[in-house]
Amino acid sequence: MAGILEGIDQRTNLAGQNRFELLLFRLSTRQRFGINVFKVQEVIRCPHLSQLPGSHPVVRGIAKLRGRTISIIDLSLAIGGDSLGNDEEQFIILTEYNRRVQGFLVGSVDRIVNMTWGEIMPPPKGTGKGSYMTAVTRVEDELVEIIDVEKVLKEIVGGSETVSEGIIDEEVRSEIQQVLVVDDSAVARNQIKRVLDQLGVETTLCNDGGQALQQLQSWLDEGRNVEDFLSLVISDVEMPRMDGYTLTSEIRKHPRLSKLHVVLHTSLSGVFNETMIQRVGANKFLAKYEPDELALMVQKQIKAHKASREALA
């Protein structure tokens, strides 16, 4: 138990310092890719896969792993590359995203590197909407691409972006409310925006924590009382330049922003989240992606924000 707790503490310290660990791997070429170790449960040789009739073309099959039936996705095929071929020569990266466990079939696994989010940069300008790249970095002078896994999974699994009947509170829709949404994935930003649009909430979208902090400072420079103007901040955790943990810490240190309500809305799962919320001072963690849960949380905070403003008036 002591070793487990020590490992958790080491990982949370990394995240609190805008640092993380990146697992490097290859698909069908020499190009290296990366995935945050927080999302990786295990790396194994590819076991025997059973075919699943009617499944998505990029799903190579299912495997029985640790008593669970897991879908195995050919990651190269999923991002428009060549199929990885013989399963037995490949590796599986077992991951948890958006409350779902799946395995990604990859060609080879390299190693884990410790990095800062400041070393992770947005995709080059001109990258098309069809790109699966959400960020890039360099390791040993070699370009490493970070894949927008949320886009991959949305194309395979789909999922509703419509708030269920009876969830929307007309009281919330009756007046203008403002929410800041921060996420490096265009898919995730648009998913959140579509939910907030249904609630009648105005949104400002930012691609990473650094851009969000600049936006908050810009509002302050305009003379706005941001704590009064902004109902809440919804931020991803994993982002280039500045992660959501560091963004939250910077907000809490700022004398004119410190009372903002910050929700970390992330596909990261596991025992680290509650620890990190306490460490950086976020108000809530919400696992991606359930439209009804997101809508209920936003409406509850909007009402609380409105009540606190009226009490101070």
C-alpha atoms as a PDB file:
ATOM      1  CA  MET A   1       0.000   0.000   0.000  1.00  0.00           C
ATOM      2  CA  ALA A   2       2.829   2.419   0.836  1.00  0.00           C
ATOM      3  CA  GLY A   3       4.338   1.883  -2.618  1.00  0.00           C
ATOM      4  CA  ILE A   4       1.001   2.564  -4.326  1.00  0.00           C
ATOM      5  CA  LEU A   5       0.470   5.764  -2.360  1.00  0.00           C
ATOM      6  CA  GLU A   6       4.023   6.889  -3.095  1.00  0.00           C
ATOM      7  CA  GLY A   7       3.448   6.325  -6.812  1.00  0.00           C
ATOM      8  CA  ILE A   8       0.230   8.354  -6.726  1.00  0.00           C
ATOM      9  CA  ASP A   9       1.979  11.191  -4.914  1.00  0.00           C
ATOM     10  CA  GLN A  10       4.826  11.226  -7.437  1.00  0.00           C
ATOM     11  CA  ARG A  11       2.403  11.390 -10.378  1.00  0.00           C
ATOM     12  CA  THR A  12       0.273  14.126  -8.834  1.00  0.00           C
ATOM     13  CA  ASN A  13       3.389  16.157  -8.083  1.00  0.00           C
ATOM     14  CA  LEU A  14       4.342  15.916 -11.757  1.00  0.00           C
ATOM     15  CA  ALA A  15       0.910  17.143 -12.858  1.00  0.00           C
ATOM     16  CA  GLY A  16       0.876  19.960 -10.323  1.00  0.00           C
ATOM     17  CA  GLN A  17       4.110  21.274 -11.813  1.00  0.00           C
ATOM     18  CA  ASN A  18       2.763  21.276 -15.402  1.00  0.00           C
ATOM     19  CA  ARG A  19       4.697  18.036 -15.990  1.00  0.00           C
ATOM     20  CA  PHE A  20       3.643  14.594 -17.150  1.00  0.00           C
ATOM     21  CA  GLU A  21       4.964  11.326 -18.550  1.00  0.00           C
ATOM     22  CA  LEU A  22       4.585  10.471 -22.226  1.00  0.00           C
ATOM     23  CA  LEU A  23       4.579   6.901 -23.542  1.00  0.00           C
ATOM     24  CA  LEU A  24       6.237   6.811 -26.973  1.00  0.00           C
ATOM     25  CA  PHE A  25       5.166   4.283 -29.606  1.00  0.00           C
ATOM     26  CA  ARG A  26       5.160   3.640 -33.349  1.00  0.00           C
ATOM     27  CA  LEU A  27       2.446   2.468 -35.718  1.00  0.00           C
ATOM     28  CA  SER A  28       3.347   1.220 -39.234  1.00  0.00           C
ATOM     29  CA  THR A  29       6.204   3.648 -39.942  1.00  0.00           C
ATOM     30  CA  ARG A  30       9.193   5.129 -38.102  1.00  0.00           C
ATOM     31  CA  GLN A  31       7.083   8.129 -37.014  1.00  0.00           C
ATOM     32  CA  ARG A  32       6.797   8.236 -33.233  1.00  0.00           C
ATOM     33  CA  PHE A  33       3.578   9.056 -31.402  1.00  0.00           C
ATOM     34  CA  GLY A  34       2.855   9.772 -27.755  1.00  0.00           C
ATOM     35  CA  ILE A  35       0.141   9.154 -25.184  1.00  0.00           C
ATOM     36  CA  ASN A  36      -0.091  10.445 -21.605  1.00  0.00           C
ATOM     37  CA  VAL A  37       0.856   7.685 -19.149  1.00  0.00           C
ATOM     38  CA  PHE A  38      -2.076   8.783 -16.938  1.00  0.00           C
ATOM     39  CA  LYS A  39      -4.387   7.193 -19.512  1.00  0.00           C
ATOM     40  CA  VAL A  40      -2.460   3.941 -19.861  1.00  0.00           C
ATOM     41  CA  GLN A  41      -3.447   0.972 -17.733  1.00  0.00           C
ATOM     42  CA  GLU A  42      -1.132  -1.600 -19.264  1.00  0.00           C
ATOM     43  CA  VAL A  43       1.032  -2.430 -22.302  1.00  0.00           C
ATOM     44  CA  ILE A  44       0.996  -6.063 -23.466  1.00  0.00           C
ATOM     45  CA  ARG A  45       1.772  -8.222 -26.463  1.00  0.00           C
ATOM     46  CA  CYS A  46      -1.332  -8.571 -28.589  1.00  0.00           C
ATOM     47  CA  PRO A  47      -3.313 -11.641 -27.465  1.00  0.00           C
ATOM     48  CA  HIS A  48      -5.600 -13.710 -29.670  1.00  0.00           C
ATOM     49  CA  LEU A  49      -8.420 -11.537 -30.982  1.00  0.00           C
ATOM     50  CA  SER A  50     -11.947 -12.775 -31.616  1.00  0.00           C
ATOM     51  CA  GLN A  51     -13.758 -11.198 -34.537  1.00  0.00           C
ATOM     52  CA  LEU A  52     -16.837  -9.148 -33.772  1.00  0.00           C
ATOM     53  CA  PRO A  53     -19.381  -9.292 -36.625  1.00  0.00           C
ATOM     54  CA  GLY A  54     -20.779  -5.904 -37.588  1.00  0.00           C
ATOM     55  CA  SER A  55     -18.113  -3.929 -35.729  1.00  0.00           C
ATOM     56  CA  HIS A  56     -16.504  -0.737 -37.012  1.00  0.00           C
ATOM     57  CA  PRO A  57     -13.869  -1.437 -39.715  1.00  0.00           C
ATOM     58  CA  VAL A  58     -10.999  -0.189 -37.523  1.00  0.00           C
ATOM     59  CA  VAL A  59     -11.912  -2.539 -34.643  1.00  0.00           C
ATOM     60  CA  ARG A  60      -9.675  -5.571 -35.151  1.00  0.00           C
ATOM     61  CA  GLY A  61     -11.548  -7.709 -32.658  1.00  0.00           C
ATOM     62  CA  ILE A  62     -12.113  -8.254 -28.974  1.00  0.00           C
ATOM     63  CA  ALA A  63      -9.859  -9.730 -26.312  1.00  0.00           C
ATOM     64  CA  LYS A  64     -10.438 -11.168 -22.852  1.00  0.00           C
ATOM     65  CA  LEU A  65      -8.129  -9.210 -20.565  1.00  0.00           C
ATOM     66  CA  ARG A  66      -8.192  -9.344 -16.752  1.00  0.00           C
ATOM     67  CA  GLY A  67     -11.727 -10.725 -16.795  1.00  0.00           C
ATOM     68  CA  ARG A  68     -13.045  -8.010 -19.142  1.00  0.00           C
ATOM     69  CA  THR A  69     -13.991  -8.052 -22.801  1.00  0.00           C
ATOM     70  CA  ILE A  70     -12.075  -5.226 -24.489  1.00  0.00           C
ATOM     71  CA  SER A  71     -12.422  -3.863 -28.021  1.00  0.00           C
ATOM     72  CA  ILE A  72      -9.074  -3.607 -29.817  1.00  0.00           C
ATOM     73  CA  ILE A  73      -8.712  -0.691 -32.224  1.00  0.00           C
ATOM     74  CA  ASP A  74      -6.103  -0.621 -35.001  1.00  0.00           C
ATOM     75  CA  LEU A  75      -4.845   2.890 -34.265  1.00  0.00           C
ATOM     76  CA  SER A  76      -3.004   3.216 -37.583  1.00  0.00           C
ATOM     77  CA  LEU A  77      -6.151   2.347 -39.533  1.00  0.00           C
ATOM     78  CA  ALA A  78      -8.217   4.682 -37.315  1.00  0.00           C
ATOM     79  CA  ILE A  79      -6.147   7.731 -38.309  1.00  0.00           C
ATOM     80  CA  GLY A  80      -6.111   6.935 -42.010  1.00  0.00           C
ATOM     81  CA  GLY A  81      -2.921   4.860 -42.206  1.00  0.00           C
ATOM     82  CA  ASP A  82      -2.234   1.284 -43.256  1.00  0.00           C
ATOM     83  CA  SER A  83      -3.452  -1.644 -41.207  1.00  0.00           C
ATOM     84  CA  LEU A  84      -0.861  -2.996 -38.784  1.00  0.00           C
ATOM     85  CA  GLY A  85      -1.118  -6.541 -40.130  1.00  0.00           C
ATOM     86  CA  ASN A  86      -0.351  -9.643 -38.080  1.00  0.00           C
ATOM     87  CA  ASP A  87      -1.807  -9.092 -34.597  1.00  0.00           C
ATOM     88  CA  GLU A  88       0.630 -11.418 -32.829  1.00  0.00           C
ATOM     89  CA  GLU A  89       3.602  -9.212 -33.776  1.00  0.00           C
ATOM     90  CA  GLN A  90       2.010  -6.064 -32.366  1.00  0.00           C
ATOM     91  CA  PHE A  91       1.374  -4.531 -28.953  1.00  0.00           C
ATOM     92  CA  ILE A  92      -1.772  -3.412 -27.156  1.00  0.00           C
ATOM     93  CA  ILE A  93      -1.854  -0.142 -25.183  1.00  0.00           C
ATOM     94  CA  LEU A  94      -4.763  -0.630 -22.784  1.00  0.00           C
ATOM     95  CA  THR A  95      -6.282   2.767 -21.986  1.00  0.00           C
ATOM     96  CA  GLU A  96      -9.218   4.411 -20.258  1.00  0.00           C
ATOM     97  CA  TYR A  97     -10.855   7.369 -21.999  1.00  0.00           C
ATOM     98  CA  ASN A  98     -14.235   8.918 -21.346  1.00  0.00           C
ATOM     99  CA  ARG A  99     -15.320   6.191 -18.891  1.00  0.00           C
ATOM    100  CA  ARG A 100     -14.521   3.492 -21.435  1.00  0.00           C
ATOM    101  CA  VAL A 101     -11.658   0.982 -21.495  1.00  0.00           C
ATOM    102  CA  GLN A 102     -10.261   0.053 -24.902  1.00  0.00           C
ATOM    103  CA  GLY A 103      -7.067  -1.296 -26.370  1.00  0.00           C
ATOM    104  CA  PHE A 104      -5.096   0.406 -29.130  1.00  0.00           C
ATOM    105  CA  LEU A 105      -3.149  -1.888 -31.431  1.00  0.00           C
ATOM    106  CA  VAL A 106       0.275  -0.342 -32.168  1.00  0.00           C
ATOM    107  CA  GLY A 107       3.359  -1.543 -34.012  1.00  0.00           C
ATOM    108  CA  SER A 108       5.912  -1.118 -31.240  1.00  0.00           C
ATOM    109  CA  VAL A 109       6.340   0.620 -27.886  1.00  0.00           C
ATOM    110  CA  ASP A 110       9.447   2.701 -27.255  1.00  0.00           C
ATOM    111  CA  ARG A 111       9.747   4.135 -23.734  1.00  0.00           C
ATOM    112  CA  ILE A 112       8.381   6.669 -21.244  1.00  0.00           C
ATOM    113  CA  VAL A 113       9.759  10.221 -21.131  1.00  0.00           C
ATOM    114  CA  ASN A 114       9.179  12.905 -18.499  1.00  0.00           C
ATOM    115  CA  MET A 115       8.161  16.229 -20.053  1.00  0.00           C
ATOM    116  CA  THR A 116       6.575  19.578 -19.322  1.00  0.00           C
ATOM    117  CA  TRP A 117       3.367  20.689 -20.995  1.00  0.00           C
ATOM    118  CA  GLY A 118       5.345  23.733 -22.119  1.00  0.00           C
ATOM    119  CA  GLU A 119       7.244  21.398 -24.456  1.00  0.00           C
ATOM    120  CA  ILE A 120       3.985  20.247 -26.045  1.00  0.00           C
ATOM    121  CA  MET A 121       2.870  22.574 -28.831  1.00  0.00           C
ATOM    122  CA  PRO A 122      -0.344  22.891 -30.852  1.00  0.00           C
ATOM    123  CA  PRO A 123      -0.332  21.396 -34.368  1.00  0.00           C
ATOM    124  CA  PRO A 124       1.382  23.500 -37.053  1.00  0.00           C
ATOM    125  CA  LYS A 125      -0.753  26.205 -38.650  1.00  0.00           C
ATOM    126  CA  GLY A 126      -2.508  24.945 -41.746  1.00  0.00           C
ATOM    127  CA  THR A 127      -3.228  21.522 -40.290  1.00  0.00           C
ATOM    128  CA  GLY A 128      -6.591  20.589 -41.782  1.00  0.00           C
ATOM    129  CA  LYS A 129      -9.785  19.713 -39.956  1.00  0.00           C
ATOM    130  CA  GLY A 130      -9.331  16.114 -41.057  1.00  0.00           C
ATOM    131  CA  SER A 131      -6.090  15.816 -39.088  1.00  0.00           C
ATOM    132  CA  TYR A 132      -5.942  13.505 -36.073  1.00  0.00           C
ATOM    133  CA  MET A 133      -3.042  15.446 -34.550  1.00  0.00           C
ATOM    134  CA  THR A 134      -3.889  17.400 -31.390  1.00  0.00           C
ATOM    135  CA  ALA A 135      -0.326  18.409 -30.455  1.00  0.00           C
ATOM    136  CA  VAL A 136       3.349  17.873 -31.298  1.00  0.00           C
ATOM    137  CA  THR A 137       6.638  17.807 -29.438  1.00  0.00           C
ATOM    138  CA  ARG A 138      10.261  16.861 -29.987  1.00  0.00           C
ATOM    139  CA  VAL A 139      12.191  14.072 -28.321  1.00  0.00           C
ATOM    140  CA  GLU A 140      15.880  13.732 -29.224  1.00  0.00           C
ATOM    141  CA  ASP A 141      15.326  16.102 -32.191  1.00  0.00           C
ATOM    142  CA  GLU A 142      12.629  13.799 -33.554  1.00  0.00           C
ATOM    143  CA  LEU A 143       9.051  14.968 -34.075  1.00  0.00           C
ATOM    144  CA  VAL A 144       6.485  13.178 -31.898  1.00  0.00           C
ATOM    145  CA  GLU A 145       2.795  13.474 -32.762  1.00  0.00           C
ATOM    146  CA  ILE A 146       0.076  13.308 -30.123  1.00  0.00           C
ATOM    147  CA  ILE A 147      -3.159  11.893 -31.529  1.00  0.00           C
ATOM    148  CA  ASP A 148      -6.593  13.364 -30.805  1.00  0.00           C
ATOM    149  CA  VAL A 149      -7.918  10.136 -29.299  1.00  0.00           C
ATOM    150  CA  GLU A 150     -11.258  11.771 -28.500  1.00  0.00           C
ATOM    151  CA  LYS A 151     -11.777  12.373 -32.213  1.00  0.00           C
ATOM    152  CA  VAL A 152     -10.839   8.756 -32.983  1.00  0.00           C
ATOM    153  CA  LEU A 153     -13.268   7.397 -30.411  1.00  0.00           C
ATOM    154  CA  LYS A 154     -16.092   9.695 -31.465  1.00  0.00           C
ATOM    155  CA  GLU A 155     -15.801   8.422 -35.043  1.00  0.00           C
ATOM    156  CA  ILE A 156     -15.886   4.804 -33.831  1.00  0.00           C
ATOM    157  CA  VAL A 157     -18.274   4.893 -30.886  1.00  0.00           C
ATOM    158  CA  GLY A 158     -20.342   7.989 -31.684  1.00  0.00           C
ATOM    159  CA  GLY A 159     -22.521   9.194 -28.828  1.00  0.00           C
ATOM    160  CA  SER A 160     -25.302  11.668 -28.243  1.00  0.00           C
ATOM    161  CA  GLU A 161     -24.677  15.408 -27.885  1.00  0.00           C
ATOM    162  CA  THR A 162     -28.334  16.142 -27.128  1.00  0.00           C
ATOM    163  CA  VAL A 163     -29.538  16.973 -23.630  1.00  0.00           C
ATOM    164  CA  SER A 164     -32.451  14.743 -22.630  1.00  0.00           C
ATOM    165  CA  GLU A 165     -35.979  16.042 -22.379  1.00  0.00           C
ATOM    166  CA  GLY A 166     -36.760  17.401 -18.929  1.00  0.00           C
ATOM    167  CA  ILE A 167     -33.122  18.250 -18.084  1.00  0.00           C
ATOM    168  CA  ILE A 168     -33.053  21.811 -19.409  1.00  0.00           C
ATOM    169  CA  ASP A 169     -34.099  24.421 -16.836  1.00  0.00           C
ATOM    170  CA  GLU A 170     -35.953  27.319 -18.456  1.00  0.00           C
ATOM    171  CA  GLU A 171     -34.918  29.570 -15.554  1.00  0.00           C
ATOM    172  CA  VAL A 172     -31.308  29.219 -16.692  1.00  0.00           C
ATOM    173  CA  ARG A 173     -32.256  29.966 -20.303  1.00  0.00           C
ATOM    174  CA  SER A 174     -34.051  33.168 -19.291  1.00  0.00           C
ATOM    175  CA  GLU A 175     -30.925  35.297 -18.886  1.00  0.00           C
ATOM    176  CA  ILE A 176     -27.471  35.549 -20.434  1.00  0.00           C
ATOM    177  CA  GLN A 177     -24.784  33.496 -18.709  1.00  0.00           C
ATOM    178  CA  GLN A 178     -21.134  33.215 -19.725  1.00  0.00           C
ATOM    179  CA  VAL A 179     -18.905  30.116 -19.507  1.00  0.00           C
ATOM    180  CA  LEU A 180     -15.234  29.742 -20.473  1.00  0.00           C
ATOM    181  CA  VAL A 181     -14.466  26.384 -22.119  1.00  0.00           C
ATOM    182  CA  VAL A 182     -10.834  25.246 -22.390  1.00  0.00           C
ATOM    183  CA  ASP A 183      -9.854  22.135 -24.369  1.00  0.00           C
ATOM    184  CA  ASP A 184      -7.184  21.366 -26.965  1.00  0.00           C
ATOM    185  CA  SER A 185      -9.437  18.885 -28.798  1.00  0.00           C
ATOM    186  CA  ALA A 186     -11.725  20.594 -31.321  1.00  0.00           C
ATOM    187  CA  VAL A 187     -14.088  17.625 -30.989  1.00  0.00           C
ATOM    188  CA  ALA A 188     -14.322  18.030 -27.208  1.00  0.00           C
ATOM    189  CA  ARG A 189     -14.727  21.834 -27.406  1.00  0.00           C
ATOM    190  CA  ASN A 190     -17.582  21.487 -29.856  1.00  0.00           C
ATOM    191  CA  GLN A 191     -19.264  18.746 -27.818  1.00  0.00           C
ATOM    192  CA  ILE A 192     -19.314  20.999 -24.757  1.00  0.00           C
ATOM    193  CA  LYS A 193     -20.425  24.024 -26.784  1.00  0.00           C
ATOM    194  CA  ARG A 194     -23.361  22.120 -28.285  1.00  0.00           C
ATOM    195  CA  VAL A 195     -24.581  21.208 -24.794  1.00  0.00           C
ATOM    196  CA  LEU A 196     -24.210  24.788 -23.558  1.00  0.00           C
ATOM    197  CA  ASP A 197     -25.967  26.107 -26.682  1.00  0.00           C
ATOM    198  CA  GLN A 198     -28.979  23.981 -25.747  1.00  0.00           C
ATOM    199  CA  LEU A 199     -28.974  25.625 -22.307  1.00  0.00           C
ATOM    200  CA  GLY A 200     -28.872  29.102 -23.828  1.00  0.00           C
ATOM    201  CA  VAL A 201     -25.423  29.742 -22.354  1.00  0.00           C
ATOM    202  CA  GLU A 202     -22.858  31.917 -24.118  1.00  0.00           C
ATOM    203  CA  THR A 203     -19.424  30.357 -24.433  1.00  0.00           C
ATOM    204  CA  THR A 204     -15.869  31.548 -25.013  1.00  0.00           C
ATOM    205  CA  LEU A 205     -13.607  28.788 -26.367  1.00  0.00           C
ATOM    206  CA  CYS A 206      -9.858  28.461 -25.722  1.00  0.00           C
ATOM    207  CA  ASN A 207      -7.420  25.842 -26.991  1.00  0.00           C
ATOM    208  CA  ASP A 208      -5.194  25.521 -23.913  1.00  0.00           C
ATOM    209  CA  GLY A 209      -4.552  26.847 -20.422  1.00  0.00           C
ATOM    210  CA  GLY A 210      -2.181  29.554 -21.597  1.00  0.00           C
ATOM    211  CA  GLN A 211      -4.730  30.964 -24.016  1.00  0.00           C
ATOM    212  CA  ALA A 212      -7.429  30.794 -21.318  1.00  0.00           C
ATOM    213  CA  LEU A 213      -5.259  32.741 -18.868  1.00  0.00           C
ATOM    214  CA  GLN A 214      -4.651  35.363 -21.562  1.00  0.00           C
ATOM    215  CA  GLN A 215      -8.405  35.616 -22.170  1.00  0.00           C
ATOM    216  CA  LEU A 216      -9.104  36.088 -18.458  1.00  0.00           C
ATOM    217  CA  GLN A 217      -6.425  38.793 -18.249  1.00  0.00           C
ATOM    218  CA  SER A 218      -7.875  40.477 -21.339  1.00  0.00           C
ATOM    219  CA  TRP A 219     -11.277  40.702 -19.664  1.00  0.00           C
ATOM    220  CA  LEU A 220      -9.636  42.178 -16.571  1.00  0.00           C
ATOM    221  CA  ASP A 221      -7.804  44.728 -18.745  1.00  0.00           C
ATOM    222  CA  GLU A 222     -11.165  45.717 -20.243  1.00  0.00           C
ATOM    223  CA  GLY A 223     -12.328  46.583 -16.734  1.00  0.00           C
ATOM    224  CA  ARG A 224     -14.666  43.626 -16.312  1.00  0.00           C
ATOM    225  CA  ASN A 225     -15.353  42.069 -12.930  1.00  0.00           C
ATOM    226  CA  VAL A 226     -14.603  38.557 -14.173  1.00  0.00           C
ATOM    227  CA  GLU A 227     -15.758  36.783 -11.016  1.00  0.00           C
ATOM    228  CA  ASP A 228     -19.131  38.473 -11.471  1.00  0.00           C
ATOM    229  CA  PHE A 229     -19.277  38.161 -15.265  1.00  0.00           C
ATOM    230  CA  LEU A 230     -18.193  34.511 -15.634  1.00  0.00           C
ATOM    231  CA  SER A 231     -20.392  31.755 -14.212  1.00  0.00           C
ATOM    232  CA  LEU A 232     -17.710  29.064 -14.418  1.00  0.00           C
ATOM    233  CA  VAL A 233     -14.641  27.717 -16.191  1.00  0.00           C
ATOM    234  CA  ILE A 234     -14.793  24.223 -17.731  1.00  0.00           C
ATOM    235  CA  SER A 235     -11.277  22.998 -18.471  1.00  0.00           C
ATOM    236  CA  ASP A 236      -9.679  19.877 -19.853  1.00  0.00           C
ATOM    237  CA  VAL A 237      -6.578  18.628 -18.020  1.00  0.00           C
ATOM    238  CA  GLU A 238      -4.273  17.529 -20.850  1.00  0.00           C
ATOM    239  CA  MET A 239      -3.385  20.521 -23.044  1.00  0.00           C
ATOM    240  CA  PRO A 240      -0.311  21.925 -24.811  1.00  0.00           C
ATOM    241  CA  ARG A 241       1.642  24.789 -23.195  1.00  0.00           C
ATOM    242  CA  MET A 242      -0.349  24.789 -19.933  1.00  0.00           C
ATOM    243  CA  ASP A 243      -2.447  21.960 -18.498  1.00  0.00           C
ATOM    244  CA  GLY A 244      -5.712  22.322 -16.611  1.00  0.00           C
ATOM    245  CA  TYR A 245      -4.114  21.744 -13.215  1.00  0.00           C
ATOM    246  CA  THR A 246      -1.679  24.619 -13.746  1.00  0.00           C
ATOM    247  CA  LEU A 247      -4.428  26.857 -15.146  1.00  0.00           C
ATOM    248  CA  THR A 248      -6.455  26.227 -11.983  1.00  0.00           C
ATOM    249  CA  SER A 249      -3.448  26.991  -9.774  1.00  0.00           C
ATOM    250  CA  GLU A 250      -2.822  30.269 -11.647  1.00  0.00           C
ATOM    251  CA  ILE A 251      -6.480  31.263 -11.265  1.00  0.00           C
ATOM    252  CA  ARG A 252      -6.396  30.554  -7.525  1.00  0.00           C
ATOM    253  CA  LYS A 253      -3.253  32.698  -7.090  1.00  0.00           C
ATOM    254  CA  HIS A 254      -4.744  35.706  -8.896  1.00  0.00           C
ATOM    255  CA  PRO A 255      -6.416  38.176  -6.494  1.00  0.00           C
ATOM    256  CA  ARG A 256      -9.144  39.103  -9.005  1.00  0.00           C
ATOM    257  CA  LEU A 257      -9.812  35.585 -10.304  1.00  0.00           C
ATOM    258  CA  SER A 258      -9.366  33.380  -7.254  1.00  0.00           C
ATOM    259  CA  LYS A 259     -13.094  32.889  -6.569  1.00  0.00           C
ATOM    260  CA  LEU A 260     -13.919  31.595 -10.042  1.00  0.00           C
ATOM    261  CA  HIS A 261     -15.686  28.226 -10.107  1.00  0.00           C
ATOM    262  CA  VAL A 262     -13.415  25.788 -11.976  1.00  0.00           C
ATOM    263  CA  VAL A 263     -14.534  22.364 -13.204  1.00  0.00           C
ATOM    264  CA  LEU A 264     -11.958  19.938 -14.588  1.00  0.00           C
ATOM    265  CA  HIS A 265     -13.791  18.058 -17.334  1.00  0.00           C
ATOM    266  CA  THR A 266     -11.471  15.366 -18.573  1.00  0.00           C
ATOM    267  CA  SER A 267     -11.190  11.924 -20.089  1.00  0.00           C
ATOM    268  CA  LEU A 268      -8.525  11.118 -17.484  1.00  0.00           C
ATOM    269  CA  SER A 269      -9.808   8.625 -14.944  1.00  0.00           C
ATOM    270  CA  GLY A 270      -8.521   6.909 -11.852  1.00  0.00           C
ATOM    271  CA  VAL A 271      -7.369   7.629  -8.322  1.00  0.00           C
ATOM    272  CA  PHE A 272      -5.434  10.781  -9.215  1.00  0.00           C
ATOM    273  CA  ASN A 273      -8.355  13.092  -9.903  1.00  0.00           C
ATOM    274  CA  GLU A 274      -9.665  13.748  -6.389  1.00  0.00           C
ATOM    275  CA  THR A 275      -6.107  14.223  -5.136  1.00  0.00           C
ATOM    276  CA  MET A 276      -5.360  16.750  -7.849  1.00  0.00           C
ATOM    277  CA  ILE A 277      -8.616  18.664  -7.286  1.00  0.00           C
ATOM    278  CA  GLN A 278      -7.606  19.172  -3.660  1.00  0.00           C
ATOM    279  CA  ARG A 279      -4.013  20.031  -4.570  1.00  0.00           C
ATOM    280  CA  VAL A 280      -4.767  22.731  -7.168  1.00  0.00           C
ATOM    281  CA  GLY A 281      -8.064  24.006  -5.745  1.00  0.00           C
ATOM    282  CA  ALA A 282     -10.535  23.062  -8.495  1.00  0.00           C
ATOM    283  CA  ASN A 283     -14.181  22.974  -7.418  1.00  0.00           C
ATOM    284  CA  LYS A 284     -15.184  19.771  -9.164  1.00  0.00           C
ATOM    285  CA  PHE A 285     -14.037  16.922 -11.406  1.00  0.00           C
ATOM    286  CA  LEU A 286     -16.400  15.675 -14.119  1.00  0.00           C
ATOM    287  CA  ALA A 287     -15.491  12.709 -16.301  1.00  0.00           C
ATOM    288  CA  LYS A 288     -16.144  13.095 -20.022  1.00  0.00           C
ATOM    289  CA  TYR A 289     -18.559  12.805 -21.727  1.00  0.00           C
ATOM    290  CA  GLU A 290     -22.208  12.656 -20.626  1.00  0.00           C
ATOM    291  CA  PRO A 291     -24.363  15.540 -21.982  1.00  0.00           C
ATOM    292  CA  ASP A 292     -26.998  15.255 -19.235  1.00  0.00           C
ATOM    293  CA  GLU A 293     -24.440  15.250 -16.412  1.00  0.00           C
ATOM    294  CA  LEU A 294     -22.656  18.226 -17.962  1.00  0.00           C
ATOM    295  CA  ALA A 295     -25.950  20.099 -18.381  1.00  0.00           C
ATOM    296  CA  LEU A 296     -27.060  19.447 -14.800  1.00  0.00           C
ATOM    297  CA  MET A 297     -23.693  20.521 -13.390  1.00  0.00           C
ATOM    298  CA  VAL A 298     -23.615  23.737 -15.443  1.00  0.00           C
ATOM    299  CA  GLN A 299     -27.186  24.686 -14.547  1.00  0.00           C
ATOM    300  CA  LYS A 300     -26.576  24.067 -10.839  1.00  0.00           C
ATOM    301  CA  GLN A 301     -23.502  26.317 -10.860  1.00  0.00           C
ATOM    302  CA  ILE A 302     -25.231  29.027 -12.897  1.00  0.00           C
ATOM    303  CA  LYS A 303     -28.009  29.178 -10.301  1.00  0.00           C
ATOM    304  CA  ALA A 304     -25.465  29.275  -7.458  1.00  0.00           C
ATOM    305  CA  HIS A 305     -23.500  32.016  -9.218  1.00  0.00           C
ATOM    306  CA  LYS A 306     -26.629  34.061  -9.787  1.00  0.00           C
ATOM    307  CA  ALA A 307     -27.690  33.668  -6.137  1.00  0.00           C
ATOM    308  CA  SER A 308     -24.276  34.781  -4.862  1.00  0.00           C
ATOM    309  CA  ARG A 309     -24.345  37.895  -7.075  1.00  0.00           C
ATOM    310  CA  GLU A 310     -27.848  38.798  -5.884  1.00  0.00           C
ATOM    311  CA  ALA A 311     -26.767  38.364  -2.264  1.00  0.00           C
ATOM    312  CA  LEU A 312     -23.929  40.848  -2.797  1.00  0.00           C
ATOM    313  CA  ALA A 313     -26.084  43.363  -4.674  1.00  0.00           C
END
